[in-house]
Structure formats: structure tokens, C-alpha cells
Amino acid sequence: MNYRRLGRSGLKVSELSFGSWVTYGSQLDTKLARECMAAAWDAGVNFFDNAEVYAGGKSEQIMGAALADLRWPREKYVVSTKFFWGLSDGPNQRNTLNRKYLLHAIEASLLRFGLEYVDLVYCHRPDPNTPIEETVWAMHDMISRGRALYWGTSEWSADEIRAAWDIAERHHLHKPVMEQPEYNLFRRRRVEREYLRLYEDIGLGLTTWSPLASGLLTGKYRDGIPDDSRAALKGYDWLREALTDPARNAAVADLQAVASDLGCTLPQLAIAWCASNPHVSTVITGASKPEQVVENMKAQDVIARIDAGVRERIDALTGKLAR
């Protein structure tokens, strides 16, 4: 496993990482989560991604229990969480990044994890109703109190990230280090165009999610929605239209030839393509079985094969369908 610096920070994360979105609490119990995390660890993964809202807090509990069982040295792994949506109703508990919510949220998150601190904490979405300055100060204080080591954003616009960074710079506060955007063959604009200036100007690091476009790039949705897929889960109806899109599924079918020429699977090709972007610090993968983790981690061996010629072939098949 290769390890990359998280933006301009000194922290190094595995170029492939493991996340809990969708699976923990809905498809994985503690035992299976532990087995998947162990498989990722054995492949060299040191970053495990989570969020307060995943499975209504249960995802953090499951990951925390798995970490306790695995007994890895705390200095060896990196764990994250994210805040915005909240877990209970109230004017200061839902859809906010105000100071009160954030400082309560981190304490509750640490209790669920059973940890003294998280390494990375994200503002899970922008909050137009809270001044960015208030959020920046709250994140600074969270780090100053030792509850987190680095902070960043998820799905913020370039202008919002730059505004937060400028406020932190002006007041000598802890700056946002990383952004967690969706990035895959069909979702590119933000990473490849909108954030372009931020990589050089502020040293923004990326921990990207959904490299398989919620499973579309595995090819398993070409003939509809399998019963055991995430699109069949309750509450994920919103995924179905995108996953069954005829044009995209046709492009996925054509990508099989590229994968075959590289001697890899479609998922490995899609993951390796994301990781081949030099601005990406780590690609967050997901799985519901240890065997899937093992297969996904083999994408490490494909990254170096994604040269200019391969990228051109891939772009010819997917570029016009990407957003």
C-alpha cells in the first residue's frame, strides 16, 4: 500500500481506505464490520471513514466496537466522522454547523466510538444559515481541545472552502485541510475543474467517496436492481434512477474491454482511475463482505497502469456522461 500526504498536512493516509456509509448498521453487524476492517488493515489500509448520521449513530458504535475488538495501536490508524444533519430534532440539532451543535456533536460521537479523539472531522455539508466564521472558530476549538486533529469539509463549493480557509488564515486558526467530494467516472466536475485552484493555492487534500458510483461501475445494475444491492435497501429509492440509466450502463458494459486489457475487474478499474488523480489523497472504498474488500484492494496494482492512453479510452466512453 502506498501512503499519501493529506493535502499539505504532515498526515499520511493509505491511497485506498475503507468507509462505513450504507453498509454499517444496514448490512453489517459488528462481527462482519470487524472482518471487513481486518481485511482492509491486512491490505495496508490505515484510514477508516465514518459520520454521525450514518445509520443514525449506529455506524460509529459498530466501528468503535470493532476497533476495540481489533486492539490496533491508536497511533497506527486514522478514523473520521462528519457533522451537519444531527441525530435529534431541535432548532440547534438539525441541519446546522453552529457552535453549540458542533461542540455537543463531537462529544457524543466520541462516546459512540469509545475514543478519546478522532483524527479527521468534517463539516458534512455547508450551512447557509450559520456564518462561516462561527463554524471555523468552532472547528478550531474542537481541535484545540484535543477532540480532533484535522478538520475539513464535505461537498462544499470552492468559494465556501476558500472563505473558511481565509478566515482561519486571518485569525491564525486551524485551517481546513481536506474536502470529501463524490468522485468517479460519472461525477468529475467538482474535483477536476471547480477545485483546481485550491490544490495549489491552499494545498487542499481529497478523501473521495463513491468511486463505484454507488455500484453502477460494478456492472451489476445492467439488468435491473438486484435484491441484495444497496439500491434495494429501504430509504435508498433515490439511487435507483441513476443506477438503471441505460446510457451509463451501456458505457459500463463497454468499459469491460478496458478492464480486460488491463487484467483487472471493472470495480478495480474504477477505483484505480480515481486514485490515479494526483490531487486525490485517498479513495474511500466500501464493502459488505471481506472478500469484496480483498478484491477492491487489488486496485492498488492497477493504479500505475492508468496512463494517458488508458485515460483517453475511458474518457471516450464516459466523458460525455459525466457531471
C-alpha atoms as a PDB file:
ATOM      1  CA  MET A   1       0.000   0.000   0.000  1.00  0.00           C
ATOM      2  CA  ASN A   2       1.201   3.490  -0.817  1.00  0.00           C
ATOM      3  CA  TYR A   3       0.581   6.323   1.621  1.00  0.00           C
ATOM      4  CA  ARG A   4      -0.083   9.884   0.538  1.00  0.00           C
ATOM      5  CA  ARG A   5       0.013  13.152   2.430  1.00  0.00           C
ATOM      6  CA  LEU A   6      -3.384  14.587   3.236  1.00  0.00           C
ATOM      7  CA  GLY A   7      -3.073  17.817   1.283  1.00  0.00           C
ATOM      8  CA  ARG A   8      -0.246  19.884   2.745  1.00  0.00           C
ATOM      9  CA  SER A   9      -0.606  18.386   6.201  1.00  0.00           C
ATOM     10  CA  GLY A  10       2.016  16.008   7.547  1.00  0.00           C
ATOM     11  CA  LEU A  11      -0.544  13.209   7.962  1.00  0.00           C
ATOM     12  CA  LYS A  12      -0.258  10.235   5.617  1.00  0.00           C
ATOM     13  CA  VAL A  13      -3.246   8.124   4.647  1.00  0.00           C
ATOM     14  CA  SER A  14      -3.406   4.931   2.607  1.00  0.00           C
ATOM     15  CA  GLU A  15      -4.235   5.667  -1.019  1.00  0.00           C
ATOM     16  CA  LEU A  16      -7.187   3.286  -0.643  1.00  0.00           C
ATOM     17  CA  SER A  17      -9.288   3.492   2.516  1.00  0.00           C
ATOM     18  CA  PHE A  18     -12.421   1.905   3.948  1.00  0.00           C
ATOM     19  CA  GLY A  19     -15.730   3.603   4.774  1.00  0.00           C
ATOM     20  CA  SER A  20     -18.939   2.639   6.522  1.00  0.00           C
ATOM     21  CA  TRP A  21     -21.625   4.552   4.585  1.00  0.00           C
ATOM     22  CA  VAL A  22     -24.719   2.450   3.754  1.00  0.00           C
ATOM     23  CA  THR A  23     -23.294  -0.863   4.980  1.00  0.00           C
ATOM     24  CA  TYR A  24     -22.770  -0.392   8.722  1.00  0.00           C
ATOM     25  CA  GLY A  25     -25.995  -0.932  10.597  1.00  0.00           C
ATOM     26  CA  SER A  26     -27.981  -1.825   7.469  1.00  0.00           C
ATOM     27  CA  GLN A  27     -25.925  -4.681   6.021  1.00  0.00           C
ATOM     28  CA  LEU A  28     -23.099  -5.239   8.519  1.00  0.00           C
ATOM     29  CA  ASP A  29     -23.195  -6.089  12.212  1.00  0.00           C
ATOM     30  CA  THR A  30     -20.153  -5.706  14.477  1.00  0.00           C
ATOM     31  CA  LYS A  31     -18.726  -9.125  13.592  1.00  0.00           C
ATOM     32  CA  LEU A  32     -18.884  -8.596   9.837  1.00  0.00           C
ATOM     33  CA  ALA A  33     -17.689  -4.999  10.174  1.00  0.00           C
ATOM     34  CA  ARG A  34     -14.705  -6.216  12.158  1.00  0.00           C
ATOM     35  CA  GLU A  35     -13.898  -8.820   9.493  1.00  0.00           C
ATOM     36  CA  CYS A  36     -14.090  -6.226   6.697  1.00  0.00           C
ATOM     37  CA  MET A  37     -11.923  -3.759   8.624  1.00  0.00           C
ATOM     38  CA  ALA A  38      -9.398  -6.506   9.368  1.00  0.00           C
ATOM     39  CA  ALA A  39      -9.231  -7.394   5.664  1.00  0.00           C
ATOM     40  CA  ALA A  40      -8.639  -3.742   4.789  1.00  0.00           C
ATOM     41  CA  TRP A  41      -5.992  -3.439   7.520  1.00  0.00           C
ATOM     42  CA  ASP A  42      -4.204  -6.540   6.210  1.00  0.00           C
ATOM     43  CA  ALA A  43      -4.042  -4.839   2.801  1.00  0.00           C
ATOM     44  CA  GLY A  44      -2.370  -1.780   4.346  1.00  0.00           C
ATOM     45  CA  VAL A  45      -5.394   0.493   4.898  1.00  0.00           C
ATOM     46  CA  ASN A  46      -4.886   2.938   7.769  1.00  0.00           C
ATOM     47  CA  PHE A  47      -7.894   5.273   7.238  1.00  0.00           C
ATOM     48  CA  PHE A  48     -11.430   4.327   8.250  1.00  0.00           C
ATOM     49  CA  ASP A  49     -14.204   6.788   7.394  1.00  0.00           C
ATOM     50  CA  ASN A  50     -17.481   7.340   9.243  1.00  0.00           C
ATOM     51  CA  ALA A  51     -20.112  10.001  10.033  1.00  0.00           C
ATOM     52  CA  GLU A  52     -22.532  10.864  12.800  1.00  0.00           C
ATOM     53  CA  VAL A  53     -25.571  10.453  10.554  1.00  0.00           C
ATOM     54  CA  TYR A  54     -24.671   7.004   9.159  1.00  0.00           C
ATOM     55  CA  ALA A  55     -27.301   4.562  10.457  1.00  0.00           C
ATOM     56  CA  GLY A  56     -28.389   7.209  12.950  1.00  0.00           C
ATOM     57  CA  GLY A  57     -25.210   6.940  15.015  1.00  0.00           C
ATOM     58  CA  LYS A  58     -25.100   3.145  14.962  1.00  0.00           C
ATOM     59  CA  SER A  59     -22.304   3.133  12.381  1.00  0.00           C
ATOM     60  CA  GLU A  60     -19.958   4.892  14.802  1.00  0.00           C
ATOM     61  CA  GLN A  61     -20.914   2.437  17.553  1.00  0.00           C
ATOM     62  CA  ILE A  62     -20.239  -0.562  15.317  1.00  0.00           C
ATOM     63  CA  MET A  63     -16.894   0.787  14.136  1.00  0.00           C
ATOM     64  CA  GLY A  64     -15.922   1.686  17.692  1.00  0.00           C
ATOM     65  CA  ALA A  65     -16.770  -1.815  18.925  1.00  0.00           C
ATOM     66  CA  ALA A  66     -14.793  -3.326  16.046  1.00  0.00           C
ATOM     67  CA  LEU A  67     -11.776  -1.145  16.845  1.00  0.00           C
ATOM     68  CA  ALA A  68     -11.967  -2.220  20.487  1.00  0.00           C
ATOM     69  CA  ASP A  69     -12.041  -5.888  19.443  1.00  0.00           C
ATOM     70  CA  LEU A  70      -9.197  -5.497  16.948  1.00  0.00           C
ATOM     71  CA  ARG A  71      -6.955  -3.776  19.519  1.00  0.00           C
ATOM     72  CA  TRP A  72      -4.852  -1.935  16.955  1.00  0.00           C
ATOM     73  CA  PRO A  73      -2.426   0.648  18.414  1.00  0.00           C
ATOM     74  CA  ARG A  74      -4.236   4.003  18.339  1.00  0.00           C
ATOM     75  CA  GLU A  75      -1.308   5.733  16.664  1.00  0.00           C
ATOM     76  CA  LYS A  76      -1.475   3.288  13.761  1.00  0.00           C
ATOM     77  CA  TYR A  77      -4.900   4.148  12.330  1.00  0.00           C
ATOM     78  CA  VAL A  78      -6.835   7.229  11.229  1.00  0.00           C
ATOM     79  CA  VAL A  79     -10.586   7.484  11.875  1.00  0.00           C
ATOM     80  CA  SER A  80     -13.022  10.197  10.859  1.00  0.00           C
ATOM     81  CA  THR A  81     -16.510  11.473  11.468  1.00  0.00           C
ATOM     82  CA  LYS A  82     -18.705  14.194   9.969  1.00  0.00           C
ATOM     83  CA  PHE A  83     -21.330  16.589  11.312  1.00  0.00           C
ATOM     84  CA  PHE A  84     -24.278  18.509   9.887  1.00  0.00           C
ATOM     85  CA  TRP A  85     -27.593  16.627   9.833  1.00  0.00           C
ATOM     86  CA  GLY A  86     -27.756  15.754  13.517  1.00  0.00           C
ATOM     87  CA  LEU A  87     -29.496  12.860  15.254  1.00  0.00           C
ATOM     88  CA  SER A  88     -32.350  14.524  17.136  1.00  0.00           C
ATOM     89  CA  ASP A  89     -34.924  17.209  16.472  1.00  0.00           C
ATOM     90  CA  GLY A  90     -34.496  20.770  17.647  1.00  0.00           C
ATOM     91  CA  PRO A  91     -33.555  24.186  16.266  1.00  0.00           C
ATOM     92  CA  ASN A  92     -29.887  23.648  17.182  1.00  0.00           C
ATOM     93  CA  GLN A  93     -29.706  19.929  16.459  1.00  0.00           C
ATOM     94  CA  ARG A  94     -30.605  19.514  12.785  1.00  0.00           C
ATOM     95  CA  ASN A  95     -29.028  20.722   9.543  1.00  0.00           C
ATOM     96  CA  THR A  96     -26.629  23.141  11.177  1.00  0.00           C
ATOM     97  CA  LEU A  97     -22.968  23.919  11.719  1.00  0.00           C
ATOM     98  CA  ASN A  98     -23.488  26.309  14.593  1.00  0.00           C
ATOM     99  CA  ARG A  99     -21.084  26.285  17.521  1.00  0.00           C
ATOM    100  CA  LYS A 100     -23.494  24.740  20.019  1.00  0.00           C
ATOM    101  CA  TYR A 101     -24.334  21.772  17.798  1.00  0.00           C
ATOM    102  CA  LEU A 102     -20.742  21.067  16.738  1.00  0.00           C
ATOM    103  CA  LEU A 103     -19.266  21.054  20.236  1.00  0.00           C
ATOM    104  CA  HIS A 104     -22.040  18.795  21.558  1.00  0.00           C
ATOM    105  CA  ALA A 105     -21.839  16.547  18.482  1.00  0.00           C
ATOM    106  CA  ILE A 106     -18.134  15.740  18.819  1.00  0.00           C
ATOM    107  CA  GLU A 107     -18.548  14.707  22.459  1.00  0.00           C
ATOM    108  CA  ALA A 108     -21.444  12.379  21.605  1.00  0.00           C
ATOM    109  CA  SER A 109     -19.535  10.952  18.656  1.00  0.00           C
ATOM    110  CA  LEU A 110     -16.506  10.127  20.789  1.00  0.00           C
ATOM    111  CA  LEU A 111     -18.739   8.311  23.273  1.00  0.00           C
ATOM    112  CA  ARG A 112     -20.192   6.181  20.469  1.00  0.00           C
ATOM    113  CA  PHE A 113     -16.724   5.401  19.118  1.00  0.00           C
ATOM    114  CA  GLY A 114     -15.231   4.822  22.563  1.00  0.00           C
ATOM    115  CA  LEU A 115     -12.296   7.018  21.526  1.00  0.00           C
ATOM    116  CA  GLU A 116     -10.583   9.998  23.108  1.00  0.00           C
ATOM    117  CA  TYR A 117     -10.303  11.769  19.750  1.00  0.00           C
ATOM    118  CA  VAL A 118     -10.922  11.358  16.034  1.00  0.00           C
ATOM    119  CA  ASP A 119      -8.163  12.127  13.571  1.00  0.00           C
ATOM    120  CA  LEU A 120     -10.324  13.825  10.944  1.00  0.00           C
ATOM    121  CA  VAL A 121     -13.589  15.690  11.385  1.00  0.00           C
ATOM    122  CA  TYR A 122     -15.649  17.109   8.531  1.00  0.00           C
ATOM    123  CA  CYS A 123     -18.422  19.639   8.137  1.00  0.00           C
ATOM    124  CA  HIS A 124     -20.630  17.211   6.227  1.00  0.00           C
ATOM    125  CA  ARG A 125     -22.452  19.877   4.201  1.00  0.00           C
ATOM    126  CA  PRO A 126     -22.321  23.697   4.073  1.00  0.00           C
ATOM    127  CA  ASP A 127     -24.734  25.596   6.310  1.00  0.00           C
ATOM    128  CA  PRO A 128     -26.043  28.787   4.677  1.00  0.00           C
ATOM    129  CA  ASN A 129     -27.713  29.861   7.927  1.00  0.00           C
ATOM    130  CA  THR A 130     -24.601  29.922  10.098  1.00  0.00           C
ATOM    131  CA  PRO A 131     -21.777  32.418   9.455  1.00  0.00           C
ATOM    132  CA  ILE A 132     -18.742  30.560   8.157  1.00  0.00           C
ATOM    133  CA  GLU A 133     -16.662  32.422  10.741  1.00  0.00           C
ATOM    134  CA  GLU A 134     -18.653  30.833  13.581  1.00  0.00           C
ATOM    135  CA  THR A 135     -18.131  27.370  12.105  1.00  0.00           C
ATOM    136  CA  VAL A 136     -14.402  27.937  11.583  1.00  0.00           C
ATOM    137  CA  TRP A 137     -13.963  29.057  15.205  1.00  0.00           C
ATOM    138  CA  ALA A 138     -15.915  26.024  16.459  1.00  0.00           C
ATOM    139  CA  MET A 139     -13.773  23.631  14.400  1.00  0.00           C
ATOM    140  CA  HIS A 140     -10.631  25.384  15.621  1.00  0.00           C
ATOM    141  CA  ASP A 141     -11.765  24.980  19.227  1.00  0.00           C
ATOM    142  CA  MET A 142     -12.607  21.318  18.632  1.00  0.00           C
ATOM    143  CA  ILE A 143      -9.013  20.722  17.580  1.00  0.00           C
ATOM    144  CA  SER A 144      -7.551  22.927  20.316  1.00  0.00           C
ATOM    145  CA  ARG A 145      -9.445  20.861  22.906  1.00  0.00           C
ATOM    146  CA  GLY A 146      -7.906  17.659  21.534  1.00  0.00           C
ATOM    147  CA  ARG A 147     -11.184  16.180  20.269  1.00  0.00           C
ATOM    148  CA  ALA A 148      -9.919  16.044  16.665  1.00  0.00           C
ATOM    149  CA  LEU A 149      -6.571  16.516  14.917  1.00  0.00           C
ATOM    150  CA  TYR A 150      -7.550  17.914  11.495  1.00  0.00           C
ATOM    151  CA  TRP A 151     -10.742  19.353  10.080  1.00  0.00           C
ATOM    152  CA  GLY A 152     -12.204  19.697   6.648  1.00  0.00           C
ATOM    153  CA  THR A 153     -15.380  19.835   4.590  1.00  0.00           C
ATOM    154  CA  SER A 154     -17.564  17.554   2.513  1.00  0.00           C
ATOM    155  CA  GLU A 155     -19.390  18.685  -0.625  1.00  0.00           C
ATOM    156  CA  TRP A 156     -18.629  22.370  -0.073  1.00  0.00           C
ATOM    157  CA  SER A 157     -18.186  24.673  -3.042  1.00  0.00           C
ATOM    158  CA  ALA A 158     -14.738  26.020  -3.859  1.00  0.00           C
ATOM    159  CA  ASP A 159     -15.856  29.507  -2.782  1.00  0.00           C
ATOM    160  CA  GLU A 160     -17.067  28.218   0.587  1.00  0.00           C
ATOM    161  CA  ILE A 161     -13.832  26.318   1.221  1.00  0.00           C
ATOM    162  CA  ARG A 162     -11.730  29.337   0.301  1.00  0.00           C
ATOM    163  CA  ALA A 163     -13.831  31.585   2.554  1.00  0.00           C
ATOM    164  CA  ALA A 164     -13.296  29.233   5.512  1.00  0.00           C
ATOM    165  CA  TRP A 165      -9.568  28.995   4.789  1.00  0.00           C
ATOM    166  CA  ASP A 166      -9.227  32.790   4.523  1.00  0.00           C
ATOM    167  CA  ILE A 167     -10.993  33.317   7.868  1.00  0.00           C
ATOM    168  CA  ALA A 168      -8.702  30.793   9.536  1.00  0.00           C
ATOM    169  CA  GLU A 169      -5.651  32.421   7.954  1.00  0.00           C
ATOM    170  CA  ARG A 170      -6.755  35.893   9.059  1.00  0.00           C
ATOM    171  CA  HIS A 171      -7.315  34.861  12.678  1.00  0.00           C
ATOM    172  CA  HIS A 172      -4.428  32.326  12.916  1.00  0.00           C
ATOM    173  CA  LEU A 173      -6.839  29.426  13.429  1.00  0.00           C
ATOM    174  CA  HIS A 174      -6.622  25.779  12.418  1.00  0.00           C
ATOM    175  CA  LYS A 175      -7.354  25.722   8.687  1.00  0.00           C
ATOM    176  CA  PRO A 176      -9.480  23.233   6.753  1.00  0.00           C
ATOM    177  CA  VAL A 177      -7.095  20.610   5.405  1.00  0.00           C
ATOM    178  CA  MET A 178      -9.260  18.310   3.306  1.00  0.00           C
ATOM    179  CA  GLU A 179     -12.503  18.010   1.360  1.00  0.00           C
ATOM    180  CA  GLN A 180     -14.550  14.845   0.846  1.00  0.00           C
ATOM    181  CA  PRO A 181     -16.342  15.049  -2.523  1.00  0.00           C
ATOM    182  CA  GLU A 182     -18.005  12.384  -4.594  1.00  0.00           C
ATOM    183  CA  TYR A 183     -15.635  11.414  -7.391  1.00  0.00           C
ATOM    184  CA  ASN A 184     -15.981   8.727 -10.017  1.00  0.00           C
ATOM    185  CA  LEU A 185     -16.122   8.290 -13.780  1.00  0.00           C
ATOM    186  CA  PHE A 186     -19.583   9.849 -13.900  1.00  0.00           C
ATOM    187  CA  ARG A 187     -19.029  12.604 -11.306  1.00  0.00           C
ATOM    188  CA  ARG A 188     -15.956  14.688 -12.121  1.00  0.00           C
ATOM    189  CA  ARG A 189     -16.610  18.407 -12.489  1.00  0.00           C
ATOM    190  CA  ARG A 190     -16.057  19.467  -8.893  1.00  0.00           C
ATOM    191  CA  VAL A 191     -12.777  17.586  -8.417  1.00  0.00           C
ATOM    192  CA  GLU A 192     -11.318  18.199 -11.867  1.00  0.00           C
ATOM    193  CA  ARG A 193     -12.493  21.767 -12.501  1.00  0.00           C
ATOM    194  CA  GLU A 194     -14.085  23.601  -9.585  1.00  0.00           C
ATOM    195  CA  TYR A 195     -11.391  22.799  -7.012  1.00  0.00           C
ATOM    196  CA  LEU A 196      -8.466  23.119  -9.411  1.00  0.00           C
ATOM    197  CA  ARG A 197      -7.085  26.378  -7.986  1.00  0.00           C
ATOM    198  CA  LEU A 198      -7.420  25.162  -4.398  1.00  0.00           C
ATOM    199  CA  TYR A 199      -4.876  22.368  -4.757  1.00  0.00           C
ATOM    200  CA  GLU A 200      -2.072  24.826  -5.437  1.00  0.00           C
ATOM    201  CA  ASP A 201      -3.377  27.865  -3.550  1.00  0.00           C
ATOM    202  CA  ILE A 202      -4.229  26.261  -0.195  1.00  0.00           C
ATOM    203  CA  GLY A 203      -2.938  22.696  -0.545  1.00  0.00           C
ATOM    204  CA  LEU A 204      -6.372  21.079  -0.378  1.00  0.00           C
ATOM    205  CA  GLY A 205      -6.352  17.308   0.129  1.00  0.00           C
ATOM    206  CA  LEU A 206      -9.145  14.998  -1.081  1.00  0.00           C
ATOM    207  CA  THR A 207     -10.660  11.929   0.546  1.00  0.00           C
ATOM    208  CA  THR A 208     -13.050  10.978  -2.231  1.00  0.00           C
ATOM    209  CA  TRP A 209     -16.149   8.815  -1.898  1.00  0.00           C
ATOM    210  CA  SER A 210     -18.299   6.608  -4.154  1.00  0.00           C
ATOM    211  CA  PRO A 211     -15.599   5.505  -6.629  1.00  0.00           C
ATOM    212  CA  LEU A 212     -18.032   2.900  -7.964  1.00  0.00           C
ATOM    213  CA  ALA A 213     -20.888   5.408  -8.370  1.00  0.00           C
ATOM    214  CA  SER A 214     -22.958   3.570  -5.734  1.00  0.00           C
ATOM    215  CA  GLY A 215     -22.298   0.284  -7.519  1.00  0.00           C
ATOM    216  CA  LEU A 216     -23.123   1.384 -11.069  1.00  0.00           C
ATOM    217  CA  LEU A 217     -19.497   0.859 -12.107  1.00  0.00           C
ATOM    218  CA  THR A 218     -19.522  -2.761 -10.961  1.00  0.00           C
ATOM    219  CA  GLY A 219     -21.850  -3.608 -13.847  1.00  0.00           C
ATOM    220  CA  LYS A 220     -24.401  -5.298 -11.570  1.00  0.00           C
ATOM    221  CA  TYR A 221     -27.217  -2.895 -12.495  1.00  0.00           C
ATOM    222  CA  ARG A 222     -27.220  -3.599 -16.224  1.00  0.00           C
ATOM    223  CA  ASP A 223     -30.234  -5.884 -15.865  1.00  0.00           C
ATOM    224  CA  GLY A 224     -32.107  -4.019 -13.123  1.00  0.00           C
ATOM    225  CA  ILE A 225     -31.867  -3.834  -9.319  1.00  0.00           C
ATOM    226  CA  PRO A 226     -30.517  -6.987  -7.616  1.00  0.00           C
ATOM    227  CA  ASP A 227     -32.329  -7.856  -4.397  1.00  0.00           C
ATOM    228  CA  ASP A 228     -29.121  -7.776  -2.342  1.00  0.00           C
ATOM    229  CA  SER A 229     -27.881  -4.394  -3.633  1.00  0.00           C
ATOM    230  CA  ARG A 230     -27.904  -1.074  -1.815  1.00  0.00           C
ATOM    231  CA  ALA A 231     -30.495   0.317  -4.239  1.00  0.00           C
ATOM    232  CA  ALA A 232     -32.887  -2.316  -2.902  1.00  0.00           C
ATOM    233  CA  LEU A 233     -32.465  -1.065   0.668  1.00  0.00           C
ATOM    234  CA  LYS A 234     -35.252   0.902   2.318  1.00  0.00           C
ATOM    235  CA  GLY A 235     -34.572   4.639   2.090  1.00  0.00           C
ATOM    236  CA  TYR A 236     -32.330   4.429  -0.984  1.00  0.00           C
ATOM    237  CA  ASP A 237     -35.038   4.765  -3.634  1.00  0.00           C
ATOM    238  CA  TRP A 238     -33.368   7.993  -4.794  1.00  0.00           C
ATOM    239  CA  LEU A 239     -30.460   5.939  -6.166  1.00  0.00           C
ATOM    240  CA  ARG A 240     -32.474   3.765  -8.475  1.00  0.00           C
ATOM    241  CA  GLU A 241     -32.971   6.123 -11.413  1.00  0.00           C
ATOM    242  CA  ALA A 242     -29.246   6.857 -11.730  1.00  0.00           C
ATOM    243  CA  LEU A 243     -28.254   3.206 -11.297  1.00  0.00           C
ATOM    244  CA  THR A 244     -30.570   1.983 -14.038  1.00  0.00           C
ATOM    245  CA  ASP A 245     -29.757   4.746 -16.546  1.00  0.00           C
ATOM    246  CA  PRO A 246     -29.458   2.970 -19.948  1.00  0.00           C
ATOM    247  CA  ALA A 247     -26.706   5.189 -21.395  1.00  0.00           C
ATOM    248  CA  ARG A 248     -24.471   4.851 -18.355  1.00  0.00           C
ATOM    249  CA  ASN A 249     -24.989   1.120 -18.107  1.00  0.00           C
ATOM    250  CA  ALA A 250     -24.080   0.818 -21.785  1.00  0.00           C
ATOM    251  CA  ALA A 251     -20.865   2.748 -21.103  1.00  0.00           C
ATOM    252  CA  VAL A 252     -20.110   0.443 -18.173  1.00  0.00           C
ATOM    253  CA  ALA A 253     -20.524  -2.552 -20.474  1.00  0.00           C
ATOM    254  CA  ASP A 254     -18.034  -1.004 -22.910  1.00  0.00           C
ATOM    255  CA  LEU A 255     -15.567  -0.357 -20.063  1.00  0.00           C
ATOM    256  CA  GLN A 256     -15.278  -4.097 -19.565  1.00  0.00           C
ATOM    257  CA  ALA A 257     -12.927  -4.265 -22.554  1.00  0.00           C
ATOM    258  CA  VAL A 258     -10.611  -1.703 -20.945  1.00  0.00           C
ATOM    259  CA  ALA A 259     -10.600  -3.644 -17.689  1.00  0.00           C
ATOM    260  CA  SER A 260      -9.903  -6.897 -19.524  1.00  0.00           C
ATOM    261  CA  ASP A 261      -6.961  -5.355 -21.363  1.00  0.00           C
ATOM    262  CA  LEU A 262      -5.511  -4.247 -18.000  1.00  0.00           C
ATOM    263  CA  GLY A 263      -6.128  -7.646 -16.437  1.00  0.00           C
ATOM    264  CA  CYS A 264      -8.479  -6.353 -13.746  1.00  0.00           C
ATOM    265  CA  THR A 265     -12.155  -6.219 -12.845  1.00  0.00           C
ATOM    266  CA  LEU A 266     -14.471  -3.294 -13.557  1.00  0.00           C
ATOM    267  CA  PRO A 267     -14.532  -2.209  -9.871  1.00  0.00           C
ATOM    268  CA  GLN A 268     -10.740  -2.335  -9.698  1.00  0.00           C
ATOM    269  CA  LEU A 269     -10.506  -0.209 -12.848  1.00  0.00           C
ATOM    270  CA  ALA A 270     -12.933   2.386 -11.473  1.00  0.00           C
ATOM    271  CA  ILE A 271     -11.149   2.618  -8.108  1.00  0.00           C
ATOM    272  CA  ALA A 272      -7.703   2.785  -9.706  1.00  0.00           C
ATOM    273  CA  TRP A 273      -8.876   5.540 -12.079  1.00  0.00           C
ATOM    274  CA  CYS A 274      -9.884   7.701  -9.100  1.00  0.00           C
ATOM    275  CA  ALA A 275      -6.624   7.028  -7.277  1.00  0.00           C
ATOM    276  CA  SER A 276      -4.591   7.882 -10.377  1.00  0.00           C
ATOM    277  CA  ASN A 277      -5.593  11.535  -9.967  1.00  0.00           C
ATOM    278  CA  PRO A 278      -2.586  13.123  -8.193  1.00  0.00           C
ATOM    279  CA  HIS A 279      -4.854  15.502  -6.247  1.00  0.00           C
ATOM    280  CA  VAL A 280      -6.603  12.597  -4.513  1.00  0.00           C
ATOM    281  CA  SER A 281      -5.113  11.709  -1.127  1.00  0.00           C
ATOM    282  CA  THR A 282      -7.235   8.587  -0.640  1.00  0.00           C
ATOM    283  CA  VAL A 283     -10.157   6.810  -2.297  1.00  0.00           C
ATOM    284  CA  ILE A 284     -12.744   5.605   0.206  1.00  0.00           C
ATOM    285  CA  THR A 285     -13.987   2.139  -0.703  1.00  0.00           C
ATOM    286  CA  GLY A 286     -16.888   0.235   0.815  1.00  0.00           C
ATOM    287  CA  ALA A 287     -17.881  -3.415   1.048  1.00  0.00           C
ATOM    288  CA  SER A 288     -20.351  -5.687   2.792  1.00  0.00           C
ATOM    289  CA  LYS A 289     -18.120  -8.783   2.740  1.00  0.00           C
ATOM    290  CA  PRO A 290     -14.408  -9.338   3.488  1.00  0.00           C
ATOM    291  CA  GLU A 291     -14.000 -10.926   0.056  1.00  0.00           C
ATOM    292  CA  GLN A 292     -15.145  -7.685  -1.569  1.00  0.00           C
ATOM    293  CA  VAL A 293     -12.567  -5.765   0.460  1.00  0.00           C
ATOM    294  CA  VAL A 294      -9.819  -8.087  -0.759  1.00  0.00           C
ATOM    295  CA  GLU A 295     -10.916  -7.665  -4.379  1.00  0.00           C
ATOM    296  CA  ASN A 296     -11.183  -3.868  -4.083  1.00  0.00           C
ATOM    297  CA  MET A 297      -7.711  -3.593  -2.580  1.00  0.00           C
ATOM    298  CA  LYS A 298      -6.232  -5.254  -5.664  1.00  0.00           C
ATOM    299  CA  ALA A 299      -6.913  -1.933  -7.411  1.00  0.00           C
ATOM    300  CA  GLN A 300      -3.576  -0.826  -5.894  1.00  0.00           C
ATOM    301  CA  ASP A 301      -1.834  -2.861  -8.562  1.00  0.00           C
ATOM    302  CA  VAL A 302      -3.798  -1.182 -11.364  1.00  0.00           C
ATOM    303  CA  ILE A 303      -3.165   2.471 -10.489  1.00  0.00           C
ATOM    304  CA  ALA A 304       0.216   2.655 -12.236  1.00  0.00           C
ATOM    305  CA  ARG A 305      -1.332   1.197 -15.417  1.00  0.00           C
ATOM    306  CA  ILE A 306      -3.766   4.115 -15.810  1.00  0.00           C
ATOM    307  CA  ASP A 307      -1.595   6.035 -18.272  1.00  0.00           C
ATOM    308  CA  ALA A 308      -2.590   8.759 -20.731  1.00  0.00           C
ATOM    309  CA  GLY A 309      -3.710   6.238 -23.338  1.00  0.00           C
ATOM    310  CA  VAL A 310      -5.951   4.373 -20.922  1.00  0.00           C
ATOM    311  CA  ARG A 311      -7.440   7.633 -19.666  1.00  0.00           C
ATOM    312  CA  GLU A 312      -8.258   8.637 -23.237  1.00  0.00           C
ATOM    313  CA  ARG A 313     -10.065   5.347 -23.828  1.00  0.00           C
ATOM    314  CA  ILE A 314     -12.037   5.760 -20.614  1.00  0.00           C
ATOM    315  CA  ASP A 315     -12.889   9.395 -21.379  1.00  0.00           C
ATOM    316  CA  ALA A 316     -14.149   8.443 -24.830  1.00  0.00           C
ATOM    317  CA  LEU A 317     -16.624   6.024 -23.197  1.00  0.00           C
ATOM    318  CA  THR A 318     -17.718   8.030 -20.141  1.00  0.00           C
ATOM    319  CA  GLY A 319     -16.700  11.660 -20.564  1.00  0.00           C
ATOM    320  CA  LYS A 320     -19.921  12.890 -22.194  1.00  0.00           C
ATOM    321  CA  LEU A 321     -22.000  11.217 -19.468  1.00  0.00           C
ATOM    322  CA  ALA A 322     -20.034  12.743 -16.590  1.00  0.00           C
ATOM    323  CA  ARG A 323     -21.193  15.677 -14.453  1.00  0.00           C
END
